[in-house]
Amino acid sequence: MWKVEFSEKAAKQFAKLPRSIQQSIVKAIDEKLLVDPDFHLSRLSGHMGSFYRFRVGNYRLLCLKRDQEIAIIAVGHRKNIYKSMSTTTASQ
């Protein structure tokens, strides 16, 4: 059984989203991600190659996948999510 956890940063980003988007994300996690994560997660390329993305409409969840656990590390609109993550990974 897969387990999904939000990082502190992702939880804050999720809380700022409109309620309807939050409900869509929770529904997609329950119905898609927990059922078949290998099908629904796509590996990113380049310097973000260790991350996966999960699409929910115009929003993206950036994740790490380990054993039977998926760690959601960022949540945001598709227009901004990769820009915010590239600055985060570059500074590490």
PDB file of N, CA and C in Angstrom:
ATOM      1  N   MET A   1       0.841  -1.194   0.000  1.00  0.00           N
ATOM      2  CA  MET A   1       0.000   0.000   0.000  1.00  0.00           C
ATOM      3  C   MET A   1       0.876   1.243   0.000  1.00  0.00           C
ATOM      4  N   TRP A   2       0.602   2.143  -0.890  1.00  0.00           N
ATOM      5  CA  TRP A   2       1.364   3.379  -0.999  1.00  0.00           C
ATOM      6  C   TRP A   2       0.932   4.388   0.055  1.00  0.00           C
ATOM      7  N   LYS A   3       1.888   5.173   0.490  1.00  0.00           N
ATOM      8  CA  LYS A   3       1.652   6.211   1.491  1.00  0.00           C
ATOM      9  C   LYS A   3       2.081   7.543   0.882  1.00  0.00           C
ATOM     10  N   VAL A   4       1.277   8.583   1.052  1.00  0.00           N
ATOM     11  CA  VAL A   4       1.584   9.914   0.521  1.00  0.00           C
ATOM     12  C   VAL A   4       1.778  10.873   1.684  1.00  0.00           C
ATOM     13  N   GLU A   5       2.883  11.618   1.637  1.00  0.00           N
ATOM     14  CA  GLU A   5       3.154  12.623   2.659  1.00  0.00           C
ATOM     15  C   GLU A   5       3.481  13.956   1.996  1.00  0.00           C
ATOM     16  N   PHE A   6       3.001  15.041   2.582  1.00  0.00           N
ATOM     17  CA  PHE A   6       3.311  16.391   2.113  1.00  0.00           C
ATOM     18  C   PHE A   6       4.465  16.941   2.937  1.00  0.00           C
ATOM     19  N   SER A   7       5.432  17.568   2.277  1.00  0.00           N
ATOM     20  CA  SER A   7       6.473  18.281   3.016  1.00  0.00           C
ATOM     21  C   SER A   7       5.829  19.523   3.635  1.00  0.00           C
ATOM     22  N   GLU A   8       6.555  20.162   4.527  1.00  0.00           N
ATOM     23  CA  GLU A   8       6.036  21.372   5.166  1.00  0.00           C
ATOM     24  C   GLU A   8       5.756  22.455   4.123  1.00  0.00           C
ATOM     25  N   LYS A   9       6.678  22.606   3.175  1.00  0.00           N
ATOM     26  CA  LYS A   9       6.522  23.607   2.109  1.00  0.00           C
ATOM     27  C   LYS A   9       5.314  23.284   1.234  1.00  0.00           C
ATOM     28  N   ALA A  10       5.168  22.020   0.846  1.00  0.00           N
ATOM     29  CA  ALA A  10       4.050  21.614  -0.004  1.00  0.00           C
ATOM     30  C   ALA A  10       2.716  21.797   0.718  1.00  0.00           C
ATOM     31  N   ALA A  11       2.692  21.516   2.010  1.00  0.00           N
ATOM     32  CA  ALA A  11       1.458  21.686   2.785  1.00  0.00           C
ATOM     33  C   ALA A  11       1.030  23.157   2.820  1.00  0.00           C
ATOM     34  N   LYS A  12       2.004  24.058   2.944  1.00  0.00           N
ATOM     35  CA  LYS A  12       1.688  25.492   2.943  1.00  0.00           C
ATOM     36  C   LYS A  12       1.175  25.927   1.569  1.00  0.00           C
ATOM     37  N   GLN A  13       1.831  25.435   0.505  1.00  0.00           N
ATOM     38  CA  GLN A  13       1.397  25.772  -0.844  1.00  0.00           C
ATOM     39  C   GLN A  13      -0.008  25.240  -1.108  1.00  0.00           C
ATOM     40  N   PHE A  14      -0.275  24.024  -0.652  1.00  0.00           N
ATOM     41  CA  PHE A  14      -1.583  23.398  -0.824  1.00  0.00           C
ATOM     42  C   PHE A  14      -2.661  24.203  -0.094  1.00  0.00           C
ATOM     43  N   ALA A  15      -2.367  24.653   1.109  1.00  0.00           N
ATOM     44  CA  ALA A  15      -3.336  25.399   1.917  1.00  0.00           C
ATOM     45  C   ALA A  15      -3.717  26.736   1.278  1.00  0.00           C
ATOM     46  N   LYS A  16      -2.827  27.309   0.473  1.00  0.00           N
ATOM     47  CA  LYS A  16      -3.104  28.594  -0.177  1.00  0.00           C
ATOM     48  C   LYS A  16      -3.979  28.461  -1.417  1.00  0.00           C
ATOM     49  N   LEU A  17      -4.157  27.250  -1.908  1.00  0.00           N
ATOM     50  CA  LEU A  17      -4.964  27.039  -3.117  1.00  0.00           C
ATOM     51  C   LEU A  17      -6.451  27.186  -2.814  1.00  0.00           C
ATOM     52  N   PRO A  18      -7.248  27.539  -3.827  1.00  0.00           N
ATOM     53  CA  PRO A  18      -8.703  27.588  -3.631  1.00  0.00           C
ATOM     54  C   PRO A  18      -9.243  26.216  -3.220  1.00  0.00           C
ATOM     55  N   ARG A  19     -10.308  26.209  -2.459  1.00  0.00           N
ATOM     56  CA  ARG A  19     -10.887  24.976  -1.928  1.00  0.00           C
ATOM     57  C   ARG A  19     -11.233  23.982  -3.044  1.00  0.00           C
ATOM     58  N   SER A  20     -11.752  24.465  -4.163  1.00  0.00           N
ATOM     59  CA  SER A  20     -12.127  23.560  -5.259  1.00  0.00           C
ATOM     60  C   SER A  20     -10.901  22.845  -5.840  1.00  0.00           C
ATOM     61  N   ILE A  21      -9.774  23.545  -5.933  1.00  0.00           N
ATOM     62  CA  ILE A  21      -8.537  22.938  -6.434  1.00  0.00           C
ATOM     63  C   ILE A  21      -8.019  21.924  -5.415  1.00  0.00           C
ATOM     64  N   GLN A  22      -8.091  22.272  -4.143  1.00  0.00           N
ATOM     65  CA  GLN A  22      -7.675  21.333  -3.086  1.00  0.00           C
ATOM     66  C   GLN A  22      -8.469  20.032  -3.177  1.00  0.00           C
ATOM     67  N   GLN A  23      -9.777  20.157  -3.368  1.00  0.00           N
ATOM     68  CA  GLN A  23     -10.621  18.964  -3.465  1.00  0.00           C
ATOM     69  C   GLN A  23     -10.271  18.133  -4.692  1.00  0.00           C
ATOM     70  N   SER A  24      -9.977  18.790  -5.808  1.00  0.00           N
ATOM     71  CA  SER A  24      -9.580  18.072  -7.020  1.00  0.00           C
ATOM     72  C   SER A  24      -8.275  17.316  -6.807  1.00  0.00           C
ATOM     73  N   ILE A  25      -7.331  17.938  -6.122  1.00  0.00           N
ATOM     74  CA  ILE A  25      -6.039  17.304  -5.864  1.00  0.00           C
ATOM     75  C   ILE A  25      -6.199  16.104  -4.948  1.00  0.00           C
ATOM     76  N   VAL A  26      -6.971  16.252  -3.881  1.00  0.00           N
ATOM     77  CA  VAL A  26      -7.190  15.134  -2.949  1.00  0.00           C
ATOM     78  C   VAL A  26      -7.873  13.974  -3.663  1.00  0.00           C
ATOM     79  N   LYS A  27      -8.865  14.284  -4.481  1.00  0.00           N
ATOM     80  CA  LYS A  27      -9.569  13.247  -5.236  1.00  0.00           C
ATOM     81  C   LYS A  27      -8.622  12.525  -6.196  1.00  0.00           C
ATOM     82  N   ALA A  28      -7.773  13.291  -6.906  1.00  0.00           N
ATOM     83  CA  ALA A  28      -6.822  12.687  -7.846  1.00  0.00           C
ATOM     84  C   ALA A  28      -5.793  11.825  -7.127  1.00  0.00           C
ATOM     85  N   ILE A  29      -5.347  12.265  -5.960  1.00  0.00           N
ATOM     86  CA  ILE A  29      -4.399  11.456  -5.182  1.00  0.00           C
ATOM     87  C   ILE A  29      -5.052  10.140  -4.798  1.00  0.00           C
ATOM     88  N   ASP A  30      -6.276  10.195  -4.289  1.00  0.00           N
ATOM     89  CA  ASP A  30      -6.979   8.976  -3.855  1.00  0.00           C
ATOM     90  C   ASP A  30      -7.303   8.037  -5.009  1.00  0.00           C
ATOM     91  N   GLU A  31      -7.779   8.587  -6.117  1.00  0.00           N
ATOM     92  CA  GLU A  31      -8.269   7.752  -7.217  1.00  0.00           C
ATOM     93  C   GLU A  31      -7.193   7.350  -8.220  1.00  0.00           C
ATOM     94  N   LYS A  32      -6.129   8.113  -8.316  1.00  0.00           N
ATOM     95  CA  LYS A  32      -5.103   7.817  -9.323  1.00  0.00           C
ATOM     96  C   LYS A  32      -3.751   7.470  -8.701  1.00  0.00           C
ATOM     97  N   LEU A  33      -3.218   8.403  -7.933  1.00  0.00           N
ATOM     98  CA  LEU A  33      -1.848   8.252  -7.439  1.00  0.00           C
ATOM     99  C   LEU A  33      -1.690   7.049  -6.508  1.00  0.00           C
ATOM    100  N   LEU A  34      -2.621   6.861  -5.603  1.00  0.00           N
ATOM    101  CA  LEU A  34      -2.518   5.732  -4.673  1.00  0.00           C
ATOM    102  C   LEU A  34      -2.827   4.394  -5.338  1.00  0.00           C
ATOM    103  N   VAL A  35      -3.564   4.413  -6.429  1.00  0.00           N
ATOM    104  CA  VAL A  35      -3.933   3.178  -7.129  1.00  0.00           C
ATOM    105  C   VAL A  35      -2.783   2.682  -8.004  1.00  0.00           C
ATOM    106  N   ASP A  36      -2.199   3.576  -8.821  1.00  0.00           N
ATOM    107  CA  ASP A  36      -1.129   3.168  -9.736  1.00  0.00           C
ATOM    108  C   ASP A  36      -0.132   4.307  -9.934  1.00  0.00           C
ATOM    109  N   PRO A  37       0.739   4.528  -8.959  1.00  0.00           N
ATOM    110  CA  PRO A  37       1.666   5.652  -9.062  1.00  0.00           C
ATOM    111  C   PRO A  37       2.652   5.525 -10.224  1.00  0.00           C
ATOM    112  N   ASP A  38       3.042   4.326 -10.584  1.00  0.00           N
ATOM    113  CA  ASP A  38       3.989   4.157 -11.685  1.00  0.00           C
ATOM    114  C   ASP A  38       3.412   4.665 -13.004  1.00  0.00           C
ATOM    115  N   PHE A  39       2.114   4.555 -13.175  1.00  0.00           N
ATOM    116  CA  PHE A  39       1.463   5.028 -14.394  1.00  0.00           C
ATOM    117  C   PHE A  39       1.270   6.546 -14.384  1.00  0.00           C
ATOM    118  N   HIS A  40       0.924   7.102 -13.241  1.00  0.00           N
ATOM    119  CA  HIS A  40       0.539   8.508 -13.157  1.00  0.00           C
ATOM    120  C   HIS A  40       1.681   9.467 -12.836  1.00  0.00           C
ATOM    121  N   LEU A  41       2.817   8.970 -12.382  1.00  0.00           N
ATOM    122  CA  LEU A  41       3.959   9.834 -12.113  1.00  0.00           C
ATOM    123  C   LEU A  41       4.883   9.840 -13.320  1.00  0.00           C
ATOM    124  N   SER A  42       5.352  11.009 -13.696  1.00  0.00           N
ATOM    125  CA  SER A  42       6.294  11.148 -14.804  1.00  0.00           C
ATOM    126  C   SER A  42       7.604  11.712 -14.270  1.00  0.00           C
ATOM    127  N   ARG A  43       8.713  11.055 -14.597  1.00  0.00           N
ATOM    128  CA  ARG A  43      10.026  11.523 -14.139  1.00  0.00           C
ATOM    129  C   ARG A  43      10.409  12.786 -14.901  1.00  0.00           C
ATOM    130  N   LEU A  44      10.951  13.758 -14.166  1.00  0.00           N
ATOM    131  CA  LEU A  44      11.439  14.983 -14.788  1.00  0.00           C
ATOM    132  C   LEU A  44      12.831  14.742 -15.363  1.00  0.00           C
ATOM    133  N   SER A  45      13.294  15.656 -16.188  1.00  0.00           N
ATOM    134  CA  SER A  45      14.603  15.496 -16.820  1.00  0.00           C
ATOM    135  C   SER A  45      15.556  16.587 -16.345  1.00  0.00           C
ATOM    136  N   GLY A  46      16.799  16.485 -16.774  1.00  0.00           N
ATOM    137  CA  GLY A  46      17.799  17.494 -16.453  1.00  0.00           C
ATOM    138  C   GLY A  46      18.194  17.474 -14.995  1.00  0.00           C
ATOM    139  N   HIS A  47      18.447  18.662 -14.455  1.00  0.00           N
ATOM    140  CA  HIS A  47      18.894  18.755 -13.062  1.00  0.00           C
ATOM    141  C   HIS A  47      17.797  18.375 -12.060  1.00  0.00           C
ATOM    142  N   MET A  48      16.568  18.214 -12.531  1.00  0.00           N
ATOM    143  CA  MET A  48      15.463  17.807 -11.659  1.00  0.00           C
ATOM    144  C   MET A  48      15.092  16.340 -11.888  1.00  0.00           C
ATOM    145  N   GLY A  49      16.027  15.561 -12.405  1.00  0.00           N
ATOM    146  CA  GLY A  49      15.775  14.177 -12.780  1.00  0.00           C
ATOM    147  C   GLY A  49      15.420  13.234 -11.652  1.00  0.00           C
ATOM    148  N   SER A  50      15.664  13.627 -10.408  1.00  0.00           N
ATOM    149  CA  SER A  50      15.305  12.751  -9.293  1.00  0.00           C
ATOM    150  C   SER A  50      13.853  12.968  -8.841  1.00  0.00           C
ATOM    151  N   PHE A  51      13.175  13.950  -9.436  1.00  0.00           N
ATOM    152  CA  PHE A  51      11.800  14.269  -9.071  1.00  0.00           C
ATOM    153  C   PHE A  51      10.807  13.697 -10.079  1.00  0.00           C
ATOM    154  N   TYR A  52       9.580  13.544  -9.619  1.00  0.00           N
ATOM    155  CA  TYR A  52       8.468  13.127 -10.470  1.00  0.00           C
ATOM    156  C   TYR A  52       7.409  14.218 -10.427  1.00  0.00           C
ATOM    157  N   ARG A  53       6.563  14.251 -11.464  1.00  0.00           N
ATOM    158  CA  ARG A  53       5.437  15.189 -11.446  1.00  0.00           C
ATOM    159  C   ARG A  53       4.137  14.397 -11.531  1.00  0.00           C
ATOM    160  N   PHE A  54       3.128  14.949 -10.893  1.00  0.00           N
ATOM    161  CA  PHE A  54       1.783  14.400 -10.941  1.00  0.00           C
ATOM    162  C   PHE A  54       0.876  15.523 -11.387  1.00  0.00           C
ATOM    163  N   ARG A  55       0.166  15.321 -12.498  1.00  0.00           N
ATOM    164  CA  ARG A  55      -0.681  16.357 -13.086  1.00  0.00           C
ATOM    165  C   ARG A  55      -2.103  16.265 -12.542  1.00  0.00           C
ATOM    166  N   VAL A  56      -2.631  17.425 -12.149  1.00  0.00           N
ATOM    167  CA  VAL A  56      -4.040  17.540 -11.754  1.00  0.00           C
ATOM    168  C   VAL A  56      -4.549  18.825 -12.399  1.00  0.00           C
ATOM    169  N   GLY A  57      -5.137  18.689 -13.583  1.00  0.00           N
ATOM    170  CA  GLY A  57      -5.597  19.868 -14.316  1.00  0.00           C
ATOM    171  C   GLY A  57      -4.417  20.761 -14.654  1.00  0.00           C
ATOM    172  N   ASN A  58      -4.482  22.026 -14.279  1.00  0.00           N
ATOM    173  CA  ASN A  58      -3.399  22.976 -14.522  1.00  0.00           C
ATOM    174  C   ASN A  58      -2.400  23.032 -13.373  1.00  0.00           C
ATOM    175  N   TYR A  59      -2.542  22.160 -12.407  1.00  0.00           N
ATOM    176  CA  TYR A  59      -1.655  22.145 -11.250  1.00  0.00           C
ATOM    177  C   TYR A  59      -0.745  20.929 -11.292  1.00  0.00           C
ATOM    178  N   ARG A  60       0.444  21.087 -10.694  1.00  0.00           N
ATOM    179  CA  ARG A  60       1.419  20.018 -10.655  1.00  0.00           C
ATOM    180  C   ARG A  60       1.863  19.783  -9.223  1.00  0.00           C
ATOM    181  N   LEU A  61       2.062  18.513  -8.903  1.00  0.00           N
ATOM    182  CA  LEU A  61       2.637  18.126  -7.629  1.00  0.00           C
ATOM    183  C   LEU A  61       3.995  17.530  -7.946  1.00  0.00           C
ATOM    184  N   LEU A  62       5.050  18.099  -7.389  1.00  0.00           N
ATOM    185  CA  LEU A  62       6.386  17.554  -7.586  1.00  0.00           C
ATOM    186  C   LEU A  62       6.675  16.618  -6.424  1.00  0.00           C
ATOM    187  N   CYS A  63       7.135  15.410  -6.769  1.00  0.00           N
ATOM    188  CA  CYS A  63       7.232  14.339  -5.787  1.00  0.00           C
ATOM    189  C   CYS A  63       8.580  13.634  -5.844  1.00  0.00           C
ATOM    190  N   LEU A  64       8.875  12.955  -4.750  1.00  0.00           N
ATOM    191  CA  LEU A  64       9.955  11.985  -4.683  1.00  0.00           C
ATOM    192  C   LEU A  64       9.303  10.643  -4.389  1.00  0.00           C
ATOM    193  N   LYS A  65       9.797   9.595  -5.012  1.00  0.00           N
ATOM    194  CA  LYS A  65       9.204   8.266  -4.831  1.00  0.00           C
ATOM    195  C   LYS A  65      10.257   7.340  -4.239  1.00  0.00           C
ATOM    196  N   ARG A  66       9.927   6.748  -3.072  1.00  0.00           N
ATOM    197  CA  ARG A  66      10.820   5.812  -2.404  1.00  0.00           C
ATOM    198  C   ARG A  66      10.005   4.641  -1.886  1.00  0.00           C
ATOM    199  N   ASP A  67      10.494   3.445  -2.117  1.00  0.00           N
ATOM    200  CA  ASP A  67       9.835   2.234  -1.626  1.00  0.00           C
ATOM    201  C   ASP A  67       8.329   2.319  -1.863  1.00  0.00           C
ATOM    202  N   GLN A  68       7.553   2.365  -0.804  1.00  0.00           N
ATOM    203  CA  GLN A  68       6.093   2.460  -0.897  1.00  0.00           C
ATOM    204  C   GLN A  68       5.602   3.829  -0.426  1.00  0.00           C
ATOM    205  N   GLU A  69       6.452   4.850  -0.581  1.00  0.00           N
ATOM    206  CA  GLU A  69       6.116   6.191  -0.104  1.00  0.00           C
ATOM    207  C   GLU A  69       6.321   7.224  -1.200  1.00  0.00           C
ATOM    208  N   ILE A  70       5.385   8.148  -1.296  1.00  0.00           N
ATOM    209  CA  ILE A  70       5.496   9.275  -2.221  1.00  0.00           C
ATOM    210  C   ILE A  70       5.514  10.542  -1.376  1.00  0.00           C
ATOM    211  N   ALA A  71       6.599  11.295  -1.481  1.00  0.00           N
ATOM    212  CA  ALA A  71       6.737  12.547  -0.740  1.00  0.00           C
ATOM    213  C   ALA A  71       6.464  13.699  -1.693  1.00  0.00           C
ATOM    214  N   ILE A  72       5.415  14.444  -1.420  1.00  0.00           N
ATOM    215  CA  ILE A  72       5.070  15.619  -2.232  1.00  0.00           C
ATOM    216  C   ILE A  72       5.857  16.791  -1.673  1.00  0.00           C
ATOM    217  N   ILE A  73       6.710  17.367  -2.519  1.00  0.00           N
ATOM    218  CA  ILE A  73       7.597  18.419  -2.026  1.00  0.00           C
ATOM    219  C   ILE A  73       7.214  19.813  -2.510  1.00  0.00           C
ATOM    220  N   ALA A  74       6.347  19.898  -3.522  1.00  0.00           N
ATOM    221  CA  ALA A  74       5.891  21.206  -3.997  1.00  0.00           C
ATOM    222  C   ALA A  74       4.568  21.052  -4.728  1.00  0.00           C
ATOM    223  N   VAL A  75       3.718  22.079  -4.592  1.00  0.00           N
ATOM    224  CA  VAL A  75       2.412  22.108  -5.253  1.00  0.00           C
ATOM    225  C   VAL A  75       2.259  23.490  -5.864  1.00  0.00           C
ATOM    226  N   GLY A  76       1.848  23.542  -7.130  1.00  0.00           N
ATOM    227  CA  GLY A  76       1.655  24.851  -7.738  1.00  0.00           C
ATOM    228  C   GLY A  76       1.105  24.773  -9.147  1.00  0.00           C
ATOM    229  N   HIS A  77       0.793  25.935  -9.686  1.00  0.00           N
ATOM    230  CA  HIS A  77       0.288  26.032 -11.054  1.00  0.00           C
ATOM    231  C   HIS A  77       1.399  25.658 -12.022  1.00  0.00           C
ATOM    232  N   ARG A  78       1.031  25.060 -13.123  1.00  0.00           N
ATOM    233  CA  ARG A  78       2.013  24.575 -14.099  1.00  0.00           C
ATOM    234  C   ARG A  78       2.898  25.682 -14.652  1.00  0.00           C
ATOM    235  N   LYS A  79       2.394  26.912 -14.626  1.00  0.00           N
ATOM    236  CA  LYS A  79       3.145  28.046 -15.153  1.00  0.00           C
ATOM    237  C   LYS A  79       4.334  28.413 -14.246  1.00  0.00           C
ATOM    238  N   ASN A  80       4.203  28.151 -12.957  1.00  0.00           N
ATOM    239  CA  ASN A  80       5.209  28.621 -11.999  1.00  0.00           C
ATOM    240  C   ASN A  80       5.981  27.526 -11.272  1.00  0.00           C
ATOM    241  N   ILE A  81       5.465  26.340 -11.213  1.00  0.00           N
ATOM    242  CA  ILE A  81       6.019  25.320 -10.332  1.00  0.00           C
ATOM    243  C   ILE A  81       7.465  24.964 -10.656  1.00  0.00           C
ATOM    244  N   TYR A  82       7.798  24.843 -11.922  1.00  0.00           N
ATOM    245  CA  TYR A  82       9.155  24.435 -12.290  1.00  0.00           C
ATOM    246  C   TYR A  82      10.166  25.554 -12.060  1.00  0.00           C
ATOM    247  N   LYS A  83       9.735  26.798 -12.243  1.00  0.00           N
ATOM    248  CA  LYS A  83      10.618  27.943 -11.976  1.00  0.00           C
ATOM    249  C   LYS A  83      10.964  28.013 -10.494  1.00  0.00           C
ATOM    250  N   SER A  84       9.961  27.833  -9.642  1.00  0.00           N
ATOM    251  CA  SER A  84      10.207  27.918  -8.200  1.00  0.00           C
ATOM    252  C   SER A  84      11.095  26.761  -7.731  1.00  0.00           C
ATOM    253  N   MET A  85      10.940  25.591  -8.331  1.00  0.00           N
ATOM    254  CA  MET A  85      11.745  24.444  -7.931  1.00  0.00           C
ATOM    255  C   MET A  85      13.167  24.531  -8.465  1.00  0.00           C
ATOM    256  N   SER A  86      13.366  25.110  -9.633  1.00  0.00           N
ATOM    257  CA  SER A  86      14.725  25.172 -10.186  1.00  0.00           C
ATOM    258  C   SER A  86      15.594  26.106  -9.342  1.00  0.00           C
ATOM    259  N   THR A  87      15.013  27.143  -8.770  1.00  0.00           N
ATOM    260  CA  THR A  87      15.800  28.014  -7.895  1.00  0.00           C
ATOM    261  C   THR A  87      16.081  27.324  -6.568  1.00  0.00           C
ATOM    262  N   THR A  88      15.149  26.498  -6.110  1.00  0.00           N
ATOM    263  CA  THR A  88      15.341  25.773  -4.856  1.00  0.00           C
ATOM    264  C   THR A  88      16.439  24.721  -5.008  1.00  0.00           C
ATOM    265  N   THR A  89      16.404  23.951  -6.094  1.00  0.00           N
ATOM    266  CA  THR A  89      17.402  22.899  -6.290  1.00  0.00           C
ATOM    267  C   THR A  89      18.761  23.475  -6.624  1.00  0.00           C
ATOM    268  N   ALA A  90      18.824  24.626  -7.263  1.00  0.00           N
ATOM    269  CA  ALA A  90      20.100  25.241  -7.610  1.00  0.00           C
ATOM    270  C   ALA A  90      20.828  25.777  -6.379  1.00  0.00           C
ATOM    271  N   SER A  91      20.056  26.193  -5.386  1.00  0.00           N
ATOM    272  CA  SER A  91      20.676  26.759  -4.177  1.00  0.00           C
ATOM    273  C   SER A  91      21.134  25.693  -3.192  1.00  0.00           C
ATOM    274  N   GLN A  92      20.783  24.435  -3.425  1.00  0.00           N
ATOM    275  CA  GLN A  92      21.173  23.373  -2.483  1.00  0.00           C
ATOM    276  C   GLN A  92      22.549  22.857  -2.730  1.00  0.00           C
TER     277      GLN A  92
END
